[in-house]
PDB file of N, CA and C in Angstrom:
ATOM      1  N   MET A   1      13.236 -18.173 -27.044  1.00  0.00           N
ATOM      2  CA  MET A   1      12.933 -16.763 -26.881  1.00  0.00           C
ATOM      3  C   MET A   1      11.556 -16.467 -27.459  1.00  0.00           C
ATOM      4  N   ALA A   2      10.843 -15.541 -26.833  1.00  0.00           N
ATOM      5  CA  ALA A   2       9.479 -15.236 -27.254  1.00  0.00           C
ATOM      6  C   ALA A   2       9.476 -14.556 -28.615  1.00  0.00           C
ATOM      7  N   GLN A   3       8.490 -14.917 -29.407  1.00  0.00           N
ATOM      8  CA  GLN A   3       8.305 -14.311 -30.720  1.00  0.00           C
ATOM      9  C   GLN A   3       7.854 -12.866 -30.534  1.00  0.00           C
ATOM     10  N   PRO A   4       8.035 -12.012 -31.566  1.00  0.00           N
ATOM     11  CA  PRO A   4       7.606 -10.607 -31.445  1.00  0.00           C
ATOM     12  C   PRO A   4       6.135 -10.459 -31.063  1.00  0.00           C
ATOM     13  N   ALA A   5       5.259 -11.313 -31.609  1.00  0.00           N
ATOM     14  CA  ALA A   5       3.838 -11.222 -31.267  1.00  0.00           C
ATOM     15  C   ALA A   5       3.617 -11.568 -29.799  1.00  0.00           C
ATOM     16  N   ALA A   6       4.336 -12.580 -29.297  1.00  0.00           N
ATOM     17  CA  ALA A   6       4.220 -12.959 -27.896  1.00  0.00           C
ATOM     18  C   ALA A   6       4.725 -11.841 -26.998  1.00  0.00           C
ATOM     19  N   LYS A   7       5.836 -11.247 -27.400  1.00  0.00           N
ATOM     20  CA  LYS A   7       6.392 -10.142 -26.612  1.00  0.00           C
ATOM     21  C   LYS A   7       5.404  -8.991 -26.559  1.00  0.00           C
ATOM     22  N   SER A   8       4.766  -8.691 -27.678  1.00  0.00           N
ATOM     23  CA  SER A   8       3.777  -7.620 -27.720  1.00  0.00           C
ATOM     24  C   SER A   8       2.578  -7.952 -26.836  1.00  0.00           C
ATOM     25  N   ALA A   9       2.143  -9.220 -26.855  1.00  0.00           N
ATOM     26  CA  ALA A   9       1.010  -9.624 -26.021  1.00  0.00           C
ATOM     27  C   ALA A   9       1.347  -9.456 -24.541  1.00  0.00           C
ATOM     28  N   PHE A  10       2.558  -9.848 -24.143  1.00  0.00           N
ATOM     29  CA  PHE A  10       2.973  -9.675 -22.748  1.00  0.00           C
ATOM     30  C   PHE A  10       3.055  -8.195 -22.380  1.00  0.00           C
ATOM     31  N   GLU A  11       3.591  -7.395 -23.288  1.00  0.00           N
ATOM     32  CA  GLU A  11       3.699  -5.954 -23.015  1.00  0.00           C
ATOM     33  C   GLU A  11       2.317  -5.325 -22.874  1.00  0.00           C
ATOM     34  N   ASP A  12       1.374  -5.744 -23.729  1.00  0.00           N
ATOM     35  CA  ASP A  12       0.006  -5.237 -23.622  1.00  0.00           C
ATOM     36  C   ASP A  12      -0.639  -5.656 -22.301  1.00  0.00           C
ATOM     37  N   ALA A  13      -0.420  -6.911 -21.914  1.00  0.00           N
ATOM     38  CA  ALA A  13      -0.971  -7.398 -20.652  1.00  0.00           C
ATOM     39  C   ALA A  13      -0.367  -6.650 -19.471  1.00  0.00           C
ATOM     40  N   LEU A  14       0.931  -6.410 -19.521  1.00  0.00           N
ATOM     41  CA  LEU A  14       1.593  -5.675 -18.447  1.00  0.00           C
ATOM     42  C   LEU A  14       1.064  -4.243 -18.370  1.00  0.00           C
ATOM     43  N   ALA A  15       0.833  -3.621 -19.507  1.00  0.00           N
ATOM     44  CA  ALA A  15       0.280  -2.262 -19.522  1.00  0.00           C
ATOM     45  C   ALA A  15      -1.116  -2.255 -18.895  1.00  0.00           C
ATOM     46  N   ALA A  16      -1.927  -3.271 -19.220  1.00  0.00           N
ATOM     47  CA  ALA A  16      -3.268  -3.360 -18.634  1.00  0.00           C
ATOM     48  C   ALA A  16      -3.180  -3.554 -17.124  1.00  0.00           C
ATOM     49  N   LEU A  17      -2.239  -4.355 -16.689  1.00  0.00           N
ATOM     50  CA  LEU A  17      -2.056  -4.598 -15.256  1.00  0.00           C
ATOM     51  C   LEU A  17      -1.606  -3.330 -14.543  1.00  0.00           C
ATOM     52  N   ARG A  18      -0.772  -2.556 -15.175  1.00  0.00           N
ATOM     53  CA  ARG A  18      -0.339  -1.286 -14.561  1.00  0.00           C
ATOM     54  C   ARG A  18      -1.498  -0.308 -14.447  1.00  0.00           C
ATOM     55  N   ARG A  19      -2.413  -0.327 -15.421  1.00  0.00           N
ATOM     56  CA  ARG A  19      -3.570   0.570 -15.362  1.00  0.00           C
ATOM     57  C   ARG A  19      -4.523   0.174 -14.232  1.00  0.00           C
ATOM     58  N   ASP A  20      -4.647  -1.127 -13.984  1.00  0.00           N
ATOM     59  CA  ASP A  20      -5.560  -1.615 -12.958  1.00  0.00           C
ATOM     60  C   ASP A  20      -4.932  -2.805 -12.243  1.00  0.00           C
ATOM     61  N   PRO A  21      -4.036  -2.550 -11.284  1.00  0.00           N
ATOM     62  CA  PRO A  21      -3.322  -3.644 -10.630  1.00  0.00           C
ATOM     63  C   PRO A  21      -4.186  -4.513  -9.713  1.00  0.00           C
ATOM     64  N   MET A  22      -5.432  -4.123  -9.475  1.00  0.00           N
ATOM     65  CA  MET A  22      -6.307  -4.905  -8.600  1.00  0.00           C
ATOM     66  C   MET A  22      -6.904  -6.116  -9.311  1.00  0.00           C
ATOM     67  N   HIS A  23      -6.845  -6.148 -10.639  1.00  0.00           N
ATOM     68  CA  HIS A  23      -7.449  -7.238 -11.389  1.00  0.00           C
ATOM     69  C   HIS A  23      -6.399  -7.966 -12.224  1.00  0.00           C
ATOM     70  N   PRO A  24      -6.371  -9.298 -12.149  1.00  0.00           N
ATOM     71  CA  PRO A  24      -5.415 -10.054 -12.956  1.00  0.00           C
ATOM     72  C   PRO A  24      -5.733  -9.914 -14.443  1.00  0.00           C
ATOM     73  N   VAL A  25      -4.736 -10.139 -15.258  1.00  0.00           N
ATOM     74  CA  VAL A  25      -4.871 -10.027 -16.708  1.00  0.00           C
ATOM     75  C   VAL A  25      -4.518 -11.376 -17.315  1.00  0.00           C
ATOM     76  N   ARG A  26      -5.338 -11.827 -18.270  1.00  0.00           N
ATOM     77  CA  ARG A  26      -5.053 -13.086 -18.963  1.00  0.00           C
ATOM     78  C   ARG A  26      -4.644 -12.779 -20.392  1.00  0.00           C
ATOM     79  N   VAL A  27      -3.694 -13.578 -20.873  1.00  0.00           N
ATOM     80  CA  VAL A  27      -3.211 -13.423 -22.243  1.00  0.00           C
ATOM     81  C   VAL A  27      -2.938 -14.820 -22.799  1.00  0.00           C
ATOM     82  N   HIS A  28      -3.219 -15.001 -24.076  1.00  0.00           N
ATOM     83  CA  HIS A  28      -2.968 -16.284 -24.733  1.00  0.00           C
ATOM     84  C   HIS A  28      -1.721 -16.122 -25.594  1.00  0.00           C
ATOM     85  N   VAL A  29      -0.692 -16.885 -25.285  1.00  0.00           N
ATOM     86  CA  VAL A  29       0.583 -16.787 -25.987  1.00  0.00           C
ATOM     87  C   VAL A  29       1.070 -18.189 -26.335  1.00  0.00           C
ATOM     88  N   GLU A  30       1.357 -18.408 -27.601  1.00  0.00           N
ATOM     89  CA  GLU A  30       1.944 -19.669 -28.056  1.00  0.00           C
ATOM     90  C   GLU A  30       1.249 -20.888 -27.462  1.00  0.00           C
ATOM     91  N   ASP A  31      -0.037 -21.029 -27.694  1.00  0.00           N
ATOM     92  CA  ASP A  31      -0.832 -22.165 -27.233  1.00  0.00           C
ATOM     93  C   ASP A  31      -0.890 -22.293 -25.711  1.00  0.00           C
ATOM     94  N   MET A  32      -0.689 -21.193 -25.020  1.00  0.00           N
ATOM     95  CA  MET A  32      -0.724 -21.239 -23.562  1.00  0.00           C
ATOM     96  C   MET A  32      -1.496 -20.022 -23.043  1.00  0.00           C
ATOM     97  N   ASP A  33      -2.384 -20.278 -22.079  1.00  0.00           N
ATOM     98  CA  ASP A  33      -3.063 -19.181 -21.390  1.00  0.00           C
ATOM     99  C   ASP A  33      -2.238 -18.804 -20.173  1.00  0.00           C
ATOM    100  N   VAL A  34      -1.947 -17.514 -20.058  1.00  0.00           N
ATOM    101  CA  VAL A  34      -1.119 -17.018 -18.963  1.00  0.00           C
ATOM    102  C   VAL A  34      -1.920 -15.960 -18.207  1.00  0.00           C
ATOM    103  N   GLU A  35      -1.892 -16.051 -16.886  1.00  0.00           N
ATOM    104  CA  GLU A  35      -2.536 -15.031 -16.062  1.00  0.00           C
ATOM    105  C   GLU A  35      -1.454 -14.270 -15.310  1.00  0.00           C
ATOM    106  N   MET A  36      -1.525 -12.947 -15.409  1.00  0.00           N
ATOM    107  CA  MET A  36      -0.564 -12.090 -14.703  1.00  0.00           C
ATOM    108  C   MET A  36      -1.336 -11.324 -13.642  1.00  0.00           C
ATOM    109  N   ARG A  37      -0.731 -11.192 -12.472  1.00  0.00           N
ATOM    110  CA  ARG A  37      -1.349 -10.413 -11.403  1.00  0.00           C
ATOM    111  C   ARG A  37      -0.264  -9.673 -10.634  1.00  0.00           C
ATOM    112  N   ALA A  38      -0.641  -8.563 -10.065  1.00  0.00           N
ATOM    113  CA  ALA A  38       0.275  -7.810  -9.211  1.00  0.00           C
ATOM    114  C   ALA A  38       0.161  -8.378  -7.804  1.00  0.00           C
ATOM    115  N   VAL A  39       1.274  -8.511  -7.142  1.00  0.00           N
ATOM    116  CA  VAL A  39       1.279  -8.981  -5.762  1.00  0.00           C
ATOM    117  C   VAL A  39       1.860  -7.892  -4.880  1.00  0.00           C
ATOM    118  N   ARG A  40       1.376  -7.834  -3.677  1.00  0.00           N
ATOM    119  CA  ARG A  40       1.882  -6.851  -2.719  1.00  0.00           C
ATOM    120  C   ARG A  40       3.250  -7.254  -2.225  1.00  0.00           C
ATOM    121  N   THR A  41       4.142  -6.322  -2.253  1.00  0.00           N
ATOM    122  CA  THR A  41       5.454  -6.547  -1.670  1.00  0.00           C
ATOM    123  C   THR A  41       5.368  -6.152  -0.208  1.00  0.00           C
ATOM    124  N   PRO A  42       5.752  -7.034   0.706  1.00  0.00           N
ATOM    125  CA  PRO A  42       5.672  -6.673   2.119  1.00  0.00           C
ATOM    126  C   PRO A  42       6.516  -5.430   2.409  1.00  0.00           C
ATOM    127  N   ALA A  43       5.959  -4.587   3.241  1.00  0.00           N
ATOM    128  CA  ALA A  43       6.701  -3.396   3.643  1.00  0.00           C
ATOM    129  C   ALA A  43       7.923  -3.823   4.447  1.00  0.00           C
ATOM    130  N   PRO A  44       9.030  -3.121   4.258  1.00  0.00           N
ATOM    131  CA  PRO A  44      10.208  -3.477   5.049  1.00  0.00           C
ATOM    132  C   PRO A  44       9.943  -3.206   6.527  1.00  0.00           C
ATOM    133  N   GLU A  45      10.420  -4.097   7.345  1.00  0.00           N
ATOM    134  CA  GLU A  45      10.234  -3.926   8.784  1.00  0.00           C
ATOM    135  C   GLU A  45      11.246  -2.908   9.293  1.00  0.00           C
ATOM    136  N   ILE A  46      10.728  -1.829   9.837  1.00  0.00           N
ATOM    137  CA  ILE A  46      11.592  -0.808  10.419  1.00  0.00           C
ATOM    138  C   ILE A  46      11.159  -0.624  11.871  1.00  0.00           C
ATOM    139  N   PRO A  47      12.054  -0.181  12.710  1.00  0.00           N
ATOM    140  CA  PRO A  47      11.676   0.051  14.107  1.00  0.00           C
ATOM    141  C   PRO A  47      10.529   1.066  14.209  1.00  0.00           C
ATOM    142  N   LEU A  48       9.653   0.867  15.175  1.00  0.00           N
ATOM    143  CA  LEU A  48       8.494   1.725  15.339  1.00  0.00           C
ATOM    144  C   LEU A  48       8.880   3.197  15.444  1.00  0.00           C
ATOM    145  N   GLY A  49       9.914   3.496  16.192  1.00  0.00           N
ATOM    146  CA  GLY A  49      10.343   4.887  16.345  1.00  0.00           C
ATOM    147  C   GLY A  49      10.720   5.510  15.012  1.00  0.00           C
ATOM    148  N   ASP A  50      11.424   4.757  14.166  1.00  0.00           N
ATOM    149  CA  ASP A  50      11.795   5.265  12.839  1.00  0.00           C
ATOM    150  C   ASP A  50      10.550   5.482  11.985  1.00  0.00           C
ATOM    151  N   TYR A  51       9.596   4.555  12.086  1.00  0.00           N
ATOM    152  CA  TYR A  51       8.354   4.700  11.324  1.00  0.00           C
ATOM    153  C   TYR A  51       7.602   5.952  11.761  1.00  0.00           C
ATOM    154  N   LEU A  52       7.453   6.134  13.068  1.00  0.00           N
ATOM    155  CA  LEU A  52       6.747   7.313  13.565  1.00  0.00           C
ATOM    156  C   LEU A  52       7.470   8.598  13.180  1.00  0.00           C
ATOM    157  N   ALA A  53       8.791   8.577  13.224  1.00  0.00           N
ATOM    158  CA  ALA A  53       9.555   9.760  12.827  1.00  0.00           C
ATOM    159  C   ALA A  53       9.336  10.083  11.357  1.00  0.00           C
ATOM    160  N   SER A  54       9.135   9.057  10.539  1.00  0.00           N
ATOM    161  CA  SER A  54       8.931   9.295   9.108  1.00  0.00           C
ATOM    162  C   SER A  54       7.581   9.928   8.813  1.00  0.00           C
ATOM    163  N   LEU A  55       6.635   9.843   9.765  1.00  0.00           N
ATOM    164  CA  LEU A  55       5.310  10.407   9.559  1.00  0.00           C
ATOM    165  C   LEU A  55       5.292  11.922   9.677  1.00  0.00           C
ATOM    166  N   GLY A  56       6.246  12.480  10.348  1.00  0.00           N
ATOM    167  CA  GLY A  56       6.282  13.929  10.474  1.00  0.00           C
ATOM    168  C   GLY A  56       6.740  14.357  11.851  1.00  0.00           C
ATOM    169  N   PRO A  57       7.009  15.640  11.977  1.00  0.00           N
ATOM    170  CA  PRO A  57       7.527  16.145  13.250  1.00  0.00           C
ATOM    171  C   PRO A  57       6.450  16.144  14.337  1.00  0.00           C
ATOM    172  N   TRP A  58       6.788  15.581  15.472  1.00  0.00           N
ATOM    173  CA  TRP A  58       5.923  15.603  16.645  1.00  0.00           C
ATOM    174  C   TRP A  58       6.596  16.348  17.779  1.00  0.00           C
ATOM    175  N   GLU A  59       7.802  16.781  17.544  1.00  0.00           N
ATOM    176  CA  GLU A  59       8.552  17.464  18.604  1.00  0.00           C
ATOM    177  C   GLU A  59       7.852  18.765  18.976  1.00  0.00           C
ATOM    178  N   GLY A  60       7.742  19.013  20.239  1.00  0.00           N
ATOM    179  CA  GLY A  60       7.165  20.269  20.698  1.00  0.00           C
ATOM    180  C   GLY A  60       5.722  20.144  21.154  1.00  0.00           C
ATOM    181  N   GLU A  61       4.980  19.128  20.692  1.00  0.00           N
ATOM    182  CA  GLU A  61       3.618  18.974  21.153  1.00  0.00           C
ATOM    183  C   GLU A  61       3.627  18.428  22.581  1.00  0.00           C
ATOM    184  N   SER A  62       2.798  19.011  23.386  1.00  0.00           N
ATOM    185  CA  SER A  62       2.697  18.522  24.760  1.00  0.00           C
ATOM    186  C   SER A  62       1.860  17.245  24.772  1.00  0.00           C
ATOM    187  N   THR A  63       1.911  16.557  25.882  1.00  0.00           N
ATOM    188  CA  THR A  63       1.093  15.352  26.037  1.00  0.00           C
ATOM    189  C   THR A  63      -0.371  15.696  25.844  1.00  0.00           C
ATOM    190  N   GLU A  64      -0.792  16.822  26.421  1.00  0.00           N
ATOM    191  CA  GLU A  64      -2.201  17.215  26.285  1.00  0.00           C
ATOM    192  C   GLU A  64      -2.561  17.501  24.828  1.00  0.00           C
ATOM    193  N   GLU A  65      -1.652  18.123  24.073  1.00  0.00           N
ATOM    194  CA  GLU A  65      -1.928  18.376  22.651  1.00  0.00           C
ATOM    195  C   GLU A  65      -2.052  17.063  21.872  1.00  0.00           C
ATOM    196  N   LEU A  66      -1.174  16.107  22.170  1.00  0.00           N
ATOM    197  CA  LEU A  66      -1.253  14.808  21.503  1.00  0.00           C
ATOM    198  C   LEU A  66      -2.542  14.078  21.868  1.00  0.00           C
ATOM    199  N   LEU A  67      -2.930  14.137  23.151  1.00  0.00           N
ATOM    200  CA  LEU A  67      -4.172  13.503  23.567  1.00  0.00           C
ATOM    201  C   LEU A  67      -5.374  14.150  22.900  1.00  0.00           C
ATOM    202  N   GLU A  68      -5.330  15.452  22.707  1.00  0.00           N
ATOM    203  CA  GLU A  68      -6.430  16.137  22.022  1.00  0.00           C
ATOM    204  C   GLU A  68      -6.509  15.690  20.561  1.00  0.00           C
ATOM    205  N   LEU A  69      -5.364  15.478  19.919  1.00  0.00           N
ATOM    206  CA  LEU A  69      -5.361  14.951  18.544  1.00  0.00           C
ATOM    207  C   LEU A  69      -6.019  13.569  18.511  1.00  0.00           C
ATOM    208  N   LEU A  70      -5.702  12.736  19.489  1.00  0.00           N
ATOM    209  CA  LEU A  70      -6.315  11.409  19.561  1.00  0.00           C
ATOM    210  C   LEU A  70      -7.813  11.500  19.829  1.00  0.00           C
ATOM    211  N   ARG A  71      -8.197  12.427  20.727  1.00  0.00           N
ATOM    212  CA  ARG A  71      -9.628  12.599  21.015  1.00  0.00           C
ATOM    213  C   ARG A  71     -10.372  13.061  19.761  1.00  0.00           C
ATOM    214  N   GLU A  72      -9.771  13.947  19.005  1.00  0.00           N
ATOM    215  CA  GLU A  72     -10.376  14.426  17.765  1.00  0.00           C
ATOM    216  C   GLU A  72     -10.558  13.266  16.784  1.00  0.00           C
ATOM    217  N   GLY A  73      -9.554  12.388  16.708  1.00  0.00           N
ATOM    218  CA  GLY A  73      -9.687  11.201  15.870  1.00  0.00           C
ATOM    219  C   GLY A  73     -10.849  10.337  16.322  1.00  0.00           C
ATOM    220  N   ARG A  74     -11.028  10.222  17.614  1.00  0.00           N
ATOM    221  CA  ARG A  74     -12.141   9.440  18.163  1.00  0.00           C
ATOM    222  C   ARG A  74     -13.469  10.078  17.776  1.00  0.00           C
ATOM    223  N   ARG A  75     -13.557  11.392  17.890  1.00  0.00           N
ATOM    224  CA  ARG A  75     -14.795  12.093  17.528  1.00  0.00           C
ATOM    225  C   ARG A  75     -15.114  11.915  16.044  1.00  0.00           C
ATOM    226  N   MET A  76     -14.076  11.737  15.237  1.00  0.00           N
ATOM    227  CA  MET A  76     -14.271  11.579  13.793  1.00  0.00           C
ATOM    228  C   MET A  76     -14.490  10.116  13.403  1.00  0.00           C
ATOM    229  N   GLY A  77     -14.634   9.224  14.377  1.00  0.00           N
ATOM    230  CA  GLY A  77     -14.953   7.844  14.056  1.00  0.00           C
ATOM    231  C   GLY A  77     -13.891   6.838  14.424  1.00  0.00           C
ATOM    232  N   GLY A  78     -12.825   7.265  15.086  1.00  0.00           N
ATOM    233  CA  GLY A  78     -11.808   6.321  15.534  1.00  0.00           C
ATOM    234  C   GLY A  78     -12.403   5.323  16.517  1.00  0.00           C
ATOM    235  N   SER A  79     -11.663   4.277  16.839  1.00  0.00           N
ATOM    236  CA  SER A  79     -12.252   3.205  17.624  1.00  0.00           C
ATOM    237  C   SER A  79     -11.812   3.138  19.078  1.00  0.00           C
ATOM    238  N   LYS A  80     -10.821   3.882  19.474  1.00  0.00           N
ATOM    239  CA  LYS A  80     -10.371   3.772  20.873  1.00  0.00           C
ATOM    240  C   LYS A  80     -10.192   5.148  21.489  1.00  0.00           C
ATOM    241  N   GLU A  81     -10.498   5.235  22.757  1.00  0.00           N
ATOM    242  CA  GLU A  81     -10.283   6.459  23.533  1.00  0.00           C
ATOM    243  C   GLU A  81      -8.835   6.493  23.996  1.00  0.00           C
ATOM    244  N   PRO A  82      -8.189   7.638  23.980  1.00  0.00           N
ATOM    245  CA  PRO A  82      -6.804   7.681  24.475  1.00  0.00           C
ATOM    246  C   PRO A  82      -6.757   7.398  25.972  1.00  0.00           C
ATOM    247  N   PRO A  83      -5.663   6.830  26.447  1.00  0.00           N
ATOM    248  CA  PRO A  83      -5.555   6.523  27.878  1.00  0.00           C
ATOM    249  C   PRO A  83      -5.641   7.792  28.721  1.00  0.00           C
ATOM    250  N   LYS A  84      -6.324   7.724  29.848  1.00  0.00           N
ATOM    251  CA  LYS A  84      -6.501   8.899  30.701  1.00  0.00           C
ATOM    252  C   LYS A  84      -5.406   9.032  31.745  1.00  0.00           C
ATOM    253  N   ASP A  85      -4.585   7.998  31.941  1.00  0.00           N
ATOM    254  CA  ASP A  85      -3.595   8.031  33.013  1.00  0.00           C
ATOM    255  C   ASP A  85      -2.208   8.440  32.539  1.00  0.00           C
ATOM    256  N   LEU A  86      -2.093   9.114  31.413  1.00  0.00           N
ATOM    257  CA  LEU A  86      -0.773   9.558  30.936  1.00  0.00           C
ATOM    258  C   LEU A  86      -0.321  10.812  31.632  1.00  0.00           C
TER     259      LEU A  86
END
């Protein structure tokens, strides 16, 4: 079992990692150098329809209103034009 000083060192390293999860943290404990890093947990795979529904209500918008939203995104720097044959 880890000594109190080792436990404190790990807790301090974990606190530093929580403050800045983009950078790994190194700690020296009991003659050992340990590096801790945060890793991304993959997002759960959900059906596309469920994902889109979770983004907010789209019910009631006409096709033309949705296309205008896409066109506005394009004007603001988006990369694709909405399809014209909808």
